[in-house]
Amino acid sequence: MEIVKKPVLFEDKFSIEVTLDDGTVHNIGRFSDDKKAIEAVKEFEEREFGKPKMSYKSKNPFDFMNGFYRKVNLFDGMNAGEFHVNNKGYTQFIINRGLSMSQENARMINAIGHMNLPNYVHAAYCSQAARKPARFNKWAKESAKDKKKEEKIKEIMKELIINRDRAEEAYEILCLIGNKKQ
């Protein structure tokens, strides 16, 4: 099944045509809003097939990473506009960070991390470049020691009325002085 979005001349609307696997073309209608068009396509699929064939569930970045590793078709016949509307949870930074935790993906992610790519293009590249076995790497979390250090630095900033860089320097000096006494 293929869905085509065509602009309507001299109007601020677009038409949706659905081409089924057997080659028959169905004109769904004219729309000015993507959400209404998606609802109309859902209704058409329910009428034709009994249930929608495509998944319209909004995904989070971790669903995308798992899909890249498992080679799942995340696009489901969507074009770039539909991908943007349906996948608000696609965050390139989080996906780059998660994929780059694997050593074999690090170079690939570093190469595209500096480019300003549309989400659709970024997802297409990552889905083709990531290798199949899933990797479940641990994400770095803030430790209790880091939290204490952060609290002390904020306390120094407030007490001495200085910026963060100076407060970190003062904290290091205080730690050195404290270690010599012990």
C-alpha atoms as a PDB file:
ATOM      1  CA  MET A   1       0.000   0.000   0.000  1.00  0.00           C
ATOM      2  CA  GLU A   2       1.354   3.408  -0.986  1.00  0.00           C
ATOM      3  CA  ILE A   3       0.021   6.759   0.187  1.00  0.00           C
ATOM      4  CA  VAL A   4       0.650   9.826  -1.987  1.00  0.00           C
ATOM      5  CA  LYS A   5       0.126  13.409  -0.871  1.00  0.00           C
ATOM      6  CA  LYS A   6      -0.430  15.789  -3.822  1.00  0.00           C
ATOM      7  CA  PRO A   7      -0.886  19.571  -3.648  1.00  0.00           C
ATOM      8  CA  VAL A   8      -4.123  20.975  -5.080  1.00  0.00           C
ATOM      9  CA  LEU A   9      -3.501  23.824  -7.510  1.00  0.00           C
ATOM     10  CA  PHE A  10      -4.708  27.294  -6.509  1.00  0.00           C
ATOM     11  CA  GLU A  11      -5.824  26.115  -3.065  1.00  0.00           C
ATOM     12  CA  ASP A  12      -4.136  25.698   0.324  1.00  0.00           C
ATOM     13  CA  LYS A  13      -5.127  22.040   0.371  1.00  0.00           C
ATOM     14  CA  PHE A  14      -3.698  18.702  -0.675  1.00  0.00           C
ATOM     15  CA  SER A  15      -5.264  15.481  -1.873  1.00  0.00           C
ATOM     16  CA  ILE A  16      -4.511  11.985  -0.627  1.00  0.00           C
ATOM     17  CA  GLU A  17      -4.433   8.986  -2.961  1.00  0.00           C
ATOM     18  CA  VAL A  18      -3.928   5.421  -1.773  1.00  0.00           C
ATOM     19  CA  THR A  19      -2.563   2.820  -4.185  1.00  0.00           C
ATOM     20  CA  LEU A  20      -3.178  -0.740  -3.045  1.00  0.00           C
ATOM     21  CA  ASP A  21      -0.882  -3.683  -3.782  1.00  0.00           C
ATOM     22  CA  ASP A  22      -3.113  -4.842  -6.654  1.00  0.00           C
ATOM     23  CA  GLY A  23      -2.688  -1.440  -8.393  1.00  0.00           C
ATOM     24  CA  THR A  24      -6.094   0.074  -7.671  1.00  0.00           C
ATOM     25  CA  VAL A  25      -6.010   3.783  -6.789  1.00  0.00           C
ATOM     26  CA  HIS A  26      -8.423   5.326  -4.284  1.00  0.00           C
ATOM     27  CA  ASN A  27      -8.818   9.075  -3.878  1.00  0.00           C
ATOM     28  CA  ILE A  28      -9.382   9.688  -0.159  1.00  0.00           C
ATOM     29  CA  GLY A  29     -10.181  13.400  -0.423  1.00  0.00           C
ATOM     30  CA  ARG A  30      -8.868  16.946  -0.054  1.00  0.00           C
ATOM     31  CA  PHE A  31      -7.488  18.162   3.245  1.00  0.00           C
ATOM     32  CA  SER A  32      -5.890  21.257   4.726  1.00  0.00           C
ATOM     33  CA  ASP A  33      -4.658  19.529   7.893  1.00  0.00           C
ATOM     34  CA  ASP A  34      -2.319  16.521   8.184  1.00  0.00           C
ATOM     35  CA  LYS A  35      -4.135  15.107  11.214  1.00  0.00           C
ATOM     36  CA  LYS A  36      -7.474  15.010   9.401  1.00  0.00           C
ATOM     37  CA  ALA A  37      -5.809  13.319   6.430  1.00  0.00           C
ATOM     38  CA  ILE A  38      -4.281  10.648   8.666  1.00  0.00           C
ATOM     39  CA  GLU A  39      -7.658  10.003  10.293  1.00  0.00           C
ATOM     40  CA  ALA A  40      -9.246   9.637   6.837  1.00  0.00           C
ATOM     41  CA  VAL A  41      -6.563   7.133   5.786  1.00  0.00           C
ATOM     42  CA  LYS A  42      -7.162   5.165   9.014  1.00  0.00           C
ATOM     43  CA  GLU A  43     -10.887   5.045   8.297  1.00  0.00           C
ATOM     44  CA  PHE A  44     -10.203   3.894   4.728  1.00  0.00           C
ATOM     45  CA  GLU A  45      -7.929   1.096   5.953  1.00  0.00           C
ATOM     46  CA  GLU A  46     -10.498  -0.031   8.508  1.00  0.00           C
ATOM     47  CA  ARG A  47     -13.125  -0.091   5.770  1.00  0.00           C
ATOM     48  CA  GLU A  48     -10.895  -1.986   3.315  1.00  0.00           C
ATOM     49  CA  PHE A  49      -8.920  -4.316   5.600  1.00  0.00           C
ATOM     50  CA  GLY A  50     -10.826  -4.407   8.895  1.00  0.00           C
ATOM     51  CA  LYS A  51      -7.972  -2.808  10.854  1.00  0.00           C
ATOM     52  CA  PRO A  52      -5.284  -0.237  10.069  1.00  0.00           C
ATOM     53  CA  LYS A  53      -2.186  -1.694   8.399  1.00  0.00           C
ATOM     54  CA  MET A  54       0.133   1.098   9.502  1.00  0.00           C
ATOM     55  CA  SER A  55       1.158   2.034  13.006  1.00  0.00           C
ATOM     56  CA  TYR A  56       0.365   5.633  13.868  1.00  0.00           C
ATOM     57  CA  LYS A  57       1.492   5.366  17.480  1.00  0.00           C
ATOM     58  CA  SER A  58       3.914   8.107  18.427  1.00  0.00           C
ATOM     59  CA  LYS A  59       7.245   6.587  19.370  1.00  0.00           C
ATOM     60  CA  ASN A  60       9.993   7.664  21.744  1.00  0.00           C
ATOM     61  CA  PRO A  61      13.725   7.748  20.844  1.00  0.00           C
ATOM     62  CA  PHE A  62      14.352   4.340  22.425  1.00  0.00           C
ATOM     63  CA  ASP A  63      11.706   2.725  20.206  1.00  0.00           C
ATOM     64  CA  PHE A  64      13.554   4.118  17.195  1.00  0.00           C
ATOM     65  CA  MET A  65      16.937   2.829  18.416  1.00  0.00           C
ATOM     66  CA  ASN A  66      15.490  -0.645  18.977  1.00  0.00           C
ATOM     67  CA  GLY A  67      13.892  -0.488  15.530  1.00  0.00           C
ATOM     68  CA  PHE A  68      17.224   0.435  13.927  1.00  0.00           C
ATOM     69  CA  TYR A  69      18.920  -2.566  15.516  1.00  0.00           C
ATOM     70  CA  ARG A  70      16.101  -4.969  14.712  1.00  0.00           C
ATOM     71  CA  LYS A  71      15.753  -3.637  11.131  1.00  0.00           C
ATOM     72  CA  VAL A  72      12.058  -2.869  11.624  1.00  0.00           C
ATOM     73  CA  ASN A  73      10.429  -0.652   8.976  1.00  0.00           C
ATOM     74  CA  LEU A  74       9.817   2.516  10.985  1.00  0.00           C
ATOM     75  CA  PHE A  75       8.465   4.486   8.064  1.00  0.00           C
ATOM     76  CA  ASP A  76       5.480   2.279   7.170  1.00  0.00           C
ATOM     77  CA  GLY A  77       5.139   3.933   3.746  1.00  0.00           C
ATOM     78  CA  MET A  78       5.211   7.456   5.207  1.00  0.00           C
ATOM     79  CA  ASN A  79       6.744  10.382   3.396  1.00  0.00           C
ATOM     80  CA  ALA A  80       8.824  13.036   5.182  1.00  0.00           C
ATOM     81  CA  GLY A  81       5.805  15.174   6.144  1.00  0.00           C
ATOM     82  CA  GLU A  82       3.868  12.277   7.624  1.00  0.00           C
ATOM     83  CA  PHE A  83       6.966  11.091   9.480  1.00  0.00           C
ATOM     84  CA  HIS A  84       7.342  14.535  11.063  1.00  0.00           C
ATOM     85  CA  VAL A  85       3.669  14.719  12.084  1.00  0.00           C
ATOM     86  CA  ASN A  86       3.510  11.164  13.471  1.00  0.00           C
ATOM     87  CA  ASN A  87       6.857  11.009  15.225  1.00  0.00           C
ATOM     88  CA  LYS A  88       7.241  14.015  17.479  1.00  0.00           C
ATOM     89  CA  GLY A  89       9.333  11.817  19.810  1.00  0.00           C
ATOM     90  CA  TYR A  90      12.191  11.555  17.326  1.00  0.00           C
ATOM     91  CA  THR A  91      15.085  13.395  19.006  1.00  0.00           C
ATOM     92  CA  GLN A  92      18.322  13.256  17.046  1.00  0.00           C
ATOM     93  CA  PHE A  93      20.531  14.097  20.035  1.00  0.00           C
ATOM     94  CA  ILE A  94      19.201  11.245  22.197  1.00  0.00           C
ATOM     95  CA  ILE A  95      19.320   8.782  19.301  1.00  0.00           C
ATOM     96  CA  ASN A  96      22.886   9.816  18.421  1.00  0.00           C
ATOM     97  CA  ARG A  97      23.921   9.427  22.043  1.00  0.00           C
ATOM     98  CA  GLY A  98      22.313   6.005  22.382  1.00  0.00           C
ATOM     99  CA  LEU A  99      23.682   4.628  19.119  1.00  0.00           C
ATOM    100  CA  SER A 100      27.186   6.001  19.715  1.00  0.00           C
ATOM    101  CA  MET A 101      27.563   3.988  22.922  1.00  0.00           C
ATOM    102  CA  SER A 102      28.435   1.036  20.709  1.00  0.00           C
ATOM    103  CA  GLN A 103      31.991   1.249  19.417  1.00  0.00           C
ATOM    104  CA  GLU A 104      31.106   0.115  15.899  1.00  0.00           C
ATOM    105  CA  ASN A 105      28.474   2.854  15.549  1.00  0.00           C
ATOM    106  CA  ALA A 106      30.532   5.664  17.079  1.00  0.00           C
ATOM    107  CA  ARG A 107      32.228   6.789  13.855  1.00  0.00           C
ATOM    108  CA  MET A 108      29.013   6.676  11.867  1.00  0.00           C
ATOM    109  CA  ILE A 109      27.142   8.721  14.469  1.00  0.00           C
ATOM    110  CA  ASN A 110      30.014  11.180  14.817  1.00  0.00           C
ATOM    111  CA  ALA A 111      29.905  11.749  11.053  1.00  0.00           C
ATOM    112  CA  ILE A 112      26.223  12.644  10.958  1.00  0.00           C
ATOM    113  CA  GLY A 113      26.074  14.270  14.393  1.00  0.00           C
ATOM    114  CA  HIS A 114      27.510  17.521  13.072  1.00  0.00           C
ATOM    115  CA  MET A 115      25.109  17.756  10.122  1.00  0.00           C
ATOM    116  CA  ASN A 116      21.763  19.485  10.332  1.00  0.00           C
ATOM    117  CA  LEU A 117      19.641  16.727   8.771  1.00  0.00           C
ATOM    118  CA  PRO A 118      15.847  16.503   8.717  1.00  0.00           C
ATOM    119  CA  ASN A 119      14.524  13.791  11.032  1.00  0.00           C
ATOM    120  CA  TYR A 120      13.322  11.628   8.137  1.00  0.00           C
ATOM    121  CA  VAL A 121      16.769  11.600   6.486  1.00  0.00           C
ATOM    122  CA  HIS A 122      18.533  11.031   9.825  1.00  0.00           C
ATOM    123  CA  ALA A 123      16.251   8.081  10.621  1.00  0.00           C
ATOM    124  CA  ALA A 124      16.704   6.575   7.159  1.00  0.00           C
ATOM    125  CA  TYR A 125      20.490   6.792   7.468  1.00  0.00           C
ATOM    126  CA  CYS A 126      20.570   5.321  10.977  1.00  0.00           C
ATOM    127  CA  SER A 127      18.251   2.460  10.024  1.00  0.00           C
ATOM    128  CA  GLN A 128      20.551   1.464   7.163  1.00  0.00           C
ATOM    129  CA  ALA A 129      23.857   2.012   8.984  1.00  0.00           C
ATOM    130  CA  ALA A 130      23.147   0.303  12.340  1.00  0.00           C
ATOM    131  CA  ARG A 131      24.034  -3.387  12.415  1.00  0.00           C
ATOM    132  CA  LYS A 132      21.461  -5.963  13.381  1.00  0.00           C
ATOM    133  CA  PRO A 133      22.277  -7.312  16.882  1.00  0.00           C
ATOM    134  CA  ALA A 134      20.656  -5.143  19.531  1.00  0.00           C
ATOM    135  CA  ARG A 135      22.931  -3.493  22.053  1.00  0.00           C
ATOM    136  CA  PHE A 136      21.761  -2.558  25.502  1.00  0.00           C
ATOM    137  CA  ASN A 137      24.404  -0.240  26.884  1.00  0.00           C
ATOM    138  CA  LYS A 138      24.046   1.392  30.284  1.00  0.00           C
ATOM    139  CA  TRP A 139      23.502   5.134  30.262  1.00  0.00           C
ATOM    140  CA  ALA A 140      25.695   7.179  32.572  1.00  0.00           C
ATOM    141  CA  LYS A 141      23.830   8.402  35.613  1.00  0.00           C
ATOM    142  CA  GLU A 142      24.705  11.019  38.160  1.00  0.00           C
ATOM    143  CA  SER A 143      26.160   9.455  41.296  1.00  0.00           C
ATOM    144  CA  ALA A 144      25.491  10.511  44.892  1.00  0.00           C
ATOM    145  CA  LYS A 145      29.036  11.921  45.044  1.00  0.00           C
ATOM    146  CA  ASP A 146      28.328  14.125  42.024  1.00  0.00           C
ATOM    147  CA  LYS A 147      25.090  15.343  43.593  1.00  0.00           C
ATOM    148  CA  LYS A 148      26.898  16.310  46.806  1.00  0.00           C
ATOM    149  CA  LYS A 149      29.568  18.132  44.813  1.00  0.00           C
ATOM    150  CA  GLU A 150      26.888  20.003  42.870  1.00  0.00           C
ATOM    151  CA  GLU A 151      25.118  21.041  46.076  1.00  0.00           C
ATOM    152  CA  LYS A 152      28.368  22.298  47.594  1.00  0.00           C
ATOM    153  CA  ILE A 153      29.248  24.280  44.462  1.00  0.00           C
ATOM    154  CA  LYS A 154      25.807  25.925  44.493  1.00  0.00           C
ATOM    155  CA  GLU A 155      26.290  26.731  48.160  1.00  0.00           C
ATOM    156  CA  ILE A 156      29.680  28.353  47.419  1.00  0.00           C
ATOM    157  CA  MET A 157      28.169  30.339  44.532  1.00  0.00           C
ATOM    158  CA  LYS A 158      25.394  31.639  46.769  1.00  0.00           C
ATOM    159  CA  GLU A 159      27.624  32.400  49.762  1.00  0.00           C
ATOM    160  CA  LEU A 160      30.478  34.106  47.918  1.00  0.00           C
ATOM    161  CA  ILE A 161      28.326  35.552  45.087  1.00  0.00           C
ATOM    162  CA  ILE A 162      30.602  34.241  42.329  1.00  0.00           C
ATOM    163  CA  ASN A 163      30.035  32.500  39.009  1.00  0.00           C
ATOM    164  CA  ARG A 164      30.121  28.740  38.486  1.00  0.00           C
ATOM    165  CA  ASP A 165      33.705  28.546  37.164  1.00  0.00           C
ATOM    166  CA  ARG A 166      35.075  30.404  40.183  1.00  0.00           C
ATOM    167  CA  ALA A 167      32.946  28.305  42.529  1.00  0.00           C
ATOM    168  CA  GLU A 168      34.342  25.077  41.027  1.00  0.00           C
ATOM    169  CA  GLU A 169      37.891  26.406  41.484  1.00  0.00           C
ATOM    170  CA  ALA A 170      37.101  27.316  45.091  1.00  0.00           C
ATOM    171  CA  TYR A 171      35.623  23.869  45.678  1.00  0.00           C
ATOM    172  CA  GLU A 172      38.786  22.189  44.353  1.00  0.00           C
ATOM    173  CA  ILE A 173      40.958  24.392  46.591  1.00  0.00           C
ATOM    174  CA  LEU A 174      38.778  23.625  49.620  1.00  0.00           C
ATOM    175  CA  CYS A 175      38.993  19.902  48.846  1.00  0.00           C
ATOM    176  CA  LEU A 176      42.810  20.116  48.639  1.00  0.00           C
ATOM    177  CA  ILE A 177      42.975  21.983  51.959  1.00  0.00           C
ATOM    178  CA  GLY A 178      40.595  19.468  53.539  1.00  0.00           C
ATOM    179  CA  ASN A 179      42.714  16.506  52.342  1.00  0.00           C
ATOM    180  CA  LYS A 180      45.951  17.975  53.790  1.00  0.00           C
ATOM    181  CA  LYS A 181      44.409  18.306  57.256  1.00  0.00           C
ATOM    182  CA  GLN A 182      43.409  14.639  57.334  1.00  0.00           C
END
